[in-house]
């Protein structure tokens, strides 16, 4: 289940962003920056709950853009593996194309994050481009390629259901 984040969720969000396995790919923002997302009508900071407990978070941006494009700027899971990522992404896509009324959802990934790239492709996103040597990542100390992925409403409508957890 997705729900709007509150200030009480900031420690959870920051803990996920700050994990060593996430730090090269996710920006860890302070509480003031996170609070701005709660106030900004063009963003939605969401918490994904499983069995009533926070299991992940996501940040949607560019809401209300005349193109209907919505950016899925940030997402992270507390526990990975076992198909959890596919269920999380489907919940995010259903929210984007449902309540947020997106015509298109796009996101990016580091060219050095094969797990994310595989997850996005498996979820139905199309690799739309590669910005070579584009994104400086302080945790890595170098510039990496940025991979751009997108999904149109018609593509979302044609997705097969995500299998239930075995």
Foldseek 3Di string as FASTA:
>chain_A
DKDFDDLVCLVVQQVQCPDLVNQQWHDRDDSVVVVVQVVDPQKTWMFDDDPRHGFKIWMKGRQPPPQLEIEGEDIGTPDDDQCPLLVVVLVVVCCSCPVSVGQKYKYKTFPPCVVVVVSCVVSQWDFDDKAQQDDQRVSVRGGTIMIMTMDGPVSSVPDDDRDDGD
